[in-house]
Amino acid sequence: IIETFTIASTIKAADIAAKATDIKLVKIALGKGIGGRGYFTFTGALPYVEEAAERAKESSENEGNLINVTVIPNPQPEVVEKLA
């Protein structure tokens, strides 16, 4: 899960993550009810997820738009349902 301060930075970070490794974007939430912020979730093999998260984090951090990055290894099905 990667959360940023702006819609544009969320889209950019999601694009970077998707192009960095073999991951699957699960959900992108933009601005609605969260004050212009955005987040996205993705899944894949743990090493790929970690690499994609690091790349997206670097991009958002450099622009001052990063709020949080969380990697959940092997999440429970209920967690996956809520995030999707």
N, C-alpha and C. Protein backbone atom coordinates (compact mmCIF):
# COMPACT_ATOMS: atom_id res chain seq x y z
N ILE A 1 0.87 -1.17 0.00
CA ILE A 1 0.00 0.00 0.00
C ILE A 1 0.91 1.22 0.00
N ILE A 2 0.65 2.13 -0.92
CA ILE A 2 1.41 3.38 -0.96
C ILE A 2 0.42 4.53 -0.97
N GLU A 3 0.59 5.47 -0.03
CA GLU A 3 -0.30 6.63 0.08
C GLU A 3 0.51 7.90 -0.14
N THR A 4 -0.06 8.83 -0.92
CA THR A 4 0.61 10.10 -1.20
C THR A 4 -0.35 11.26 -0.94
N PHE A 5 0.22 12.46 -0.92
CA PHE A 5 -0.56 13.67 -0.65
C PHE A 5 -1.40 14.15 -1.83
N THR A 6 -1.04 13.79 -3.06
CA THR A 6 -1.78 14.31 -4.21
C THR A 6 -2.19 13.19 -5.17
N ILE A 7 -3.23 13.46 -5.92
CA ILE A 7 -3.71 12.51 -6.92
C ILE A 7 -2.63 12.26 -7.97
N ALA A 8 -2.00 13.33 -8.43
CA ALA A 8 -0.97 13.19 -9.46
C ALA A 8 0.20 12.33 -8.98
N SER A 9 0.63 12.53 -7.74
CA SER A 9 1.75 11.74 -7.25
C SER A 9 1.36 10.28 -7.05
N THR A 10 0.10 10.02 -6.73
CA THR A 10 -0.37 8.64 -6.61
C THR A 10 -0.32 7.94 -7.97
N ILE A 11 -0.81 8.62 -8.99
CA ILE A 11 -0.80 8.04 -10.33
C ILE A 11 0.63 7.80 -10.80
N LYS A 12 1.50 8.76 -10.57
CA LYS A 12 2.89 8.62 -10.99
C LYS A 12 3.57 7.47 -10.25
N ALA A 13 3.37 7.38 -8.95
CA ALA A 13 3.99 6.30 -8.17
C ALA A 13 3.45 4.94 -8.59
N ALA A 14 2.16 4.85 -8.87
CA ALA A 14 1.58 3.58 -9.33
C ALA A 14 2.16 3.17 -10.67
N ASP A 15 2.35 4.13 -11.55
CA ASP A 15 2.94 3.86 -12.86
C ASP A 15 4.38 3.36 -12.70
N ILE A 16 5.15 4.01 -11.86
CA ILE A 16 6.53 3.60 -11.62
C ILE A 16 6.58 2.19 -11.03
N ALA A 17 5.72 1.91 -10.05
CA ALA A 17 5.69 0.58 -9.43
C ALA A 17 5.32 -0.49 -10.45
N ALA A 18 4.32 -0.22 -11.27
CA ALA A 18 3.86 -1.21 -12.25
C ALA A 18 4.91 -1.49 -13.30
N LYS A 19 5.70 -0.50 -13.65
CA LYS A 19 6.75 -0.68 -14.66
C LYS A 19 8.04 -1.25 -14.07
N ALA A 20 8.22 -1.16 -12.77
CA ALA A 20 9.48 -1.57 -12.13
C ALA A 20 9.66 -3.08 -12.10
N THR A 21 8.60 -3.79 -11.80
CA THR A 21 8.70 -5.25 -11.65
C THR A 21 7.38 -5.89 -12.07
N ASP A 22 7.32 -7.20 -11.91
CA ASP A 22 6.14 -7.96 -12.30
C ASP A 22 5.14 -8.01 -11.14
N ILE A 23 4.40 -6.92 -10.99
CA ILE A 23 3.36 -6.85 -9.97
C ILE A 23 2.01 -6.61 -10.65
N LYS A 24 0.95 -6.76 -9.88
CA LYS A 24 -0.40 -6.49 -10.39
C LYS A 24 -1.03 -5.40 -9.52
N LEU A 25 -1.42 -4.29 -10.14
CA LEU A 25 -2.13 -3.26 -9.39
C LEU A 25 -3.51 -3.80 -9.03
N VAL A 26 -3.90 -3.62 -7.79
CA VAL A 26 -5.18 -4.13 -7.31
C VAL A 26 -6.22 -3.01 -7.26
N LYS A 27 -5.82 -1.85 -6.73
CA LYS A 27 -6.77 -0.75 -6.55
C LYS A 27 -6.02 0.57 -6.52
N ILE A 28 -6.62 1.58 -7.13
CA ILE A 28 -6.12 2.95 -7.02
C ILE A 28 -7.29 3.80 -6.52
N ALA A 29 -7.10 4.47 -5.39
CA ALA A 29 -8.13 5.34 -4.82
C ALA A 29 -7.61 6.77 -4.90
N LEU A 30 -8.38 7.62 -5.56
CA LEU A 30 -7.92 8.99 -5.82
C LEU A 30 -8.88 10.03 -5.25
N GLY A 31 -8.44 10.76 -4.25
CA GLY A 31 -9.10 11.96 -3.78
C GLY A 31 -10.46 11.86 -3.13
N LYS A 32 -11.26 10.92 -3.49
CA LYS A 32 -12.63 10.88 -3.01
C LYS A 32 -12.68 10.66 -1.49
N GLY A 33 -13.12 11.68 -0.78
CA GLY A 33 -13.30 11.58 0.66
C GLY A 33 -12.00 11.54 1.46
N ILE A 34 -10.87 11.74 0.80
CA ILE A 34 -9.61 11.71 1.54
C ILE A 34 -8.79 12.96 1.27
N GLY A 35 -9.45 14.07 1.00
CA GLY A 35 -8.82 15.38 0.91
C GLY A 35 -7.78 15.53 -0.19
N GLY A 36 -8.00 14.92 -1.33
CA GLY A 36 -7.05 15.06 -2.42
C GLY A 36 -5.91 14.06 -2.38
N ARG A 37 -5.84 13.32 -1.31
CA ARG A 37 -4.80 12.30 -1.21
C ARG A 37 -5.19 11.09 -2.06
N GLY A 38 -4.25 10.19 -2.20
CA GLY A 38 -4.54 8.98 -2.93
C GLY A 38 -3.70 7.83 -2.41
N TYR A 39 -4.14 6.63 -2.73
CA TYR A 39 -3.33 5.46 -2.40
C TYR A 39 -3.57 4.40 -3.44
N PHE A 40 -2.66 3.45 -3.49
CA PHE A 40 -2.86 2.30 -4.36
C PHE A 40 -2.31 1.06 -3.70
N THR A 41 -2.88 -0.07 -4.09
CA THR A 41 -2.45 -1.35 -3.58
C THR A 41 -2.04 -2.22 -4.75
N PHE A 42 -1.11 -3.11 -4.48
CA PHE A 42 -0.67 -4.02 -5.52
C PHE A 42 -0.23 -5.33 -4.89
N THR A 43 -0.11 -6.36 -5.72
CA THR A 43 0.25 -7.68 -5.24
C THR A 43 1.25 -8.32 -6.19
N GLY A 44 1.89 -9.35 -5.70
CA GLY A 44 2.86 -10.09 -6.48
C GLY A 44 3.81 -10.83 -5.56
N ALA A 45 4.82 -11.44 -6.15
CA ALA A 45 5.85 -12.11 -5.36
C ALA A 45 6.54 -11.07 -4.47
N LEU A 46 6.83 -11.46 -3.24
CA LEU A 46 7.36 -10.51 -2.25
C LEU A 46 8.58 -9.72 -2.74
N PRO A 47 9.58 -10.35 -3.36
CA PRO A 47 10.72 -9.55 -3.82
C PRO A 47 10.32 -8.49 -4.85
N TYR A 48 9.37 -8.82 -5.71
CA TYR A 48 8.89 -7.85 -6.70
C TYR A 48 8.11 -6.73 -6.04
N VAL A 49 7.29 -7.08 -5.07
CA VAL A 49 6.50 -6.07 -4.35
C VAL A 49 7.44 -5.11 -3.61
N GLU A 50 8.45 -5.67 -2.95
CA GLU A 50 9.39 -4.82 -2.22
C GLU A 50 10.15 -3.88 -3.15
N GLU A 51 10.57 -4.38 -4.30
CA GLU A 51 11.28 -3.54 -5.26
C GLU A 51 10.36 -2.45 -5.82
N ALA A 52 9.14 -2.82 -6.19
CA ALA A 52 8.19 -1.84 -6.72
C ALA A 52 7.87 -0.78 -5.68
N ALA A 53 7.69 -1.20 -4.43
CA ALA A 53 7.39 -0.26 -3.35
C ALA A 53 8.55 0.71 -3.15
N GLU A 54 9.77 0.20 -3.21
CA GLU A 54 10.95 1.06 -3.03
C GLU A 54 11.04 2.09 -4.15
N ARG A 55 10.81 1.67 -5.37
CA ARG A 55 10.88 2.61 -6.50
C ARG A 55 9.80 3.69 -6.39
N ALA A 56 8.58 3.28 -6.07
CA ALA A 56 7.49 4.26 -5.92
C ALA A 56 7.75 5.19 -4.75
N LYS A 57 8.28 4.63 -3.67
CA LYS A 57 8.61 5.43 -2.49
C LYS A 57 9.64 6.50 -2.83
N GLU A 58 10.71 6.12 -3.54
CA GLU A 58 11.75 7.08 -3.91
C GLU A 58 11.18 8.23 -4.72
N SER A 59 10.32 7.91 -5.65
CA SER A 59 9.72 8.95 -6.51
C SER A 59 8.89 9.93 -5.68
N SER A 60 8.01 9.40 -4.84
CA SER A 60 7.13 10.25 -4.04
C SER A 60 7.89 11.02 -2.97
N GLU A 61 8.89 10.38 -2.38
CA GLU A 61 9.69 11.04 -1.35
C GLU A 61 10.46 12.22 -1.94
N ASN A 62 11.03 12.02 -3.12
CA ASN A 62 11.80 13.10 -3.76
C ASN A 62 10.94 14.32 -4.05
N GLU A 63 9.65 14.12 -4.27
CA GLU A 63 8.73 15.22 -4.55
C GLU A 63 8.08 15.75 -3.28
N GLY A 64 8.35 15.13 -2.13
CA GLY A 64 7.76 15.56 -0.87
C GLY A 64 6.29 15.17 -0.73
N ASN A 65 5.86 14.15 -1.47
CA ASN A 65 4.45 13.77 -1.46
C ASN A 65 4.15 12.44 -0.77
N LEU A 66 5.13 11.78 -0.24
CA LEU A 66 4.93 10.47 0.37
C LEU A 66 4.29 10.60 1.74
N ILE A 67 3.26 9.81 1.98
CA ILE A 67 2.66 9.72 3.31
C ILE A 67 3.11 8.43 3.98
N ASN A 68 2.92 7.30 3.29
CA ASN A 68 3.24 6.02 3.92
C ASN A 68 3.42 4.93 2.87
N VAL A 69 4.27 3.97 3.19
CA VAL A 69 4.46 2.76 2.40
C VAL A 69 4.37 1.59 3.36
N THR A 70 3.52 0.62 3.04
CA THR A 70 3.38 -0.56 3.87
C THR A 70 3.40 -1.80 2.99
N VAL A 71 4.29 -2.73 3.30
CA VAL A 71 4.31 -4.02 2.60
C VAL A 71 3.80 -5.06 3.60
N ILE A 72 2.79 -5.82 3.18
CA ILE A 72 2.22 -6.85 4.04
C ILE A 72 2.53 -8.21 3.41
N PRO A 73 3.55 -8.91 3.91
CA PRO A 73 3.87 -10.22 3.36
C PRO A 73 2.78 -11.24 3.71
N ASN A 74 2.31 -11.94 2.71
CA ASN A 74 1.33 -13.02 2.90
C ASN A 74 0.11 -12.59 3.72
N PRO A 75 -0.64 -11.58 3.26
CA PRO A 75 -1.80 -11.11 4.03
C PRO A 75 -2.92 -12.14 4.05
N GLN A 76 -3.72 -12.07 5.09
CA GLN A 76 -4.89 -12.92 5.20
C GLN A 76 -5.89 -12.56 4.11
N PRO A 77 -6.69 -13.51 3.63
CA PRO A 77 -7.67 -13.23 2.57
C PRO A 77 -8.62 -12.08 2.92
N GLU A 78 -8.99 -11.95 4.19
CA GLU A 78 -9.89 -10.88 4.60
C GLU A 78 -9.26 -9.50 4.38
N VAL A 79 -7.97 -9.41 4.62
CA VAL A 79 -7.26 -8.15 4.42
C VAL A 79 -7.23 -7.81 2.94
N VAL A 80 -6.95 -8.80 2.12
CA VAL A 80 -6.91 -8.59 0.66
C VAL A 80 -8.27 -8.11 0.16
N GLU A 81 -9.35 -8.71 0.66
CA GLU A 81 -10.70 -8.29 0.26
C GLU A 81 -10.96 -6.84 0.61
N LYS A 82 -10.57 -6.41 1.80
CA LYS A 82 -10.81 -5.03 2.23
C LYS A 82 -9.99 -4.03 1.42
N LEU A 83 -8.79 -4.42 1.03
CA LEU A 83 -7.93 -3.51 0.27
C LEU A 83 -8.29 -3.45 -1.20
N ALA A 84 -8.98 -4.45 -1.68
CA ALA A 84 -9.40 -4.47 -3.09
C ALA A 84 -10.74 -3.84 -3.19
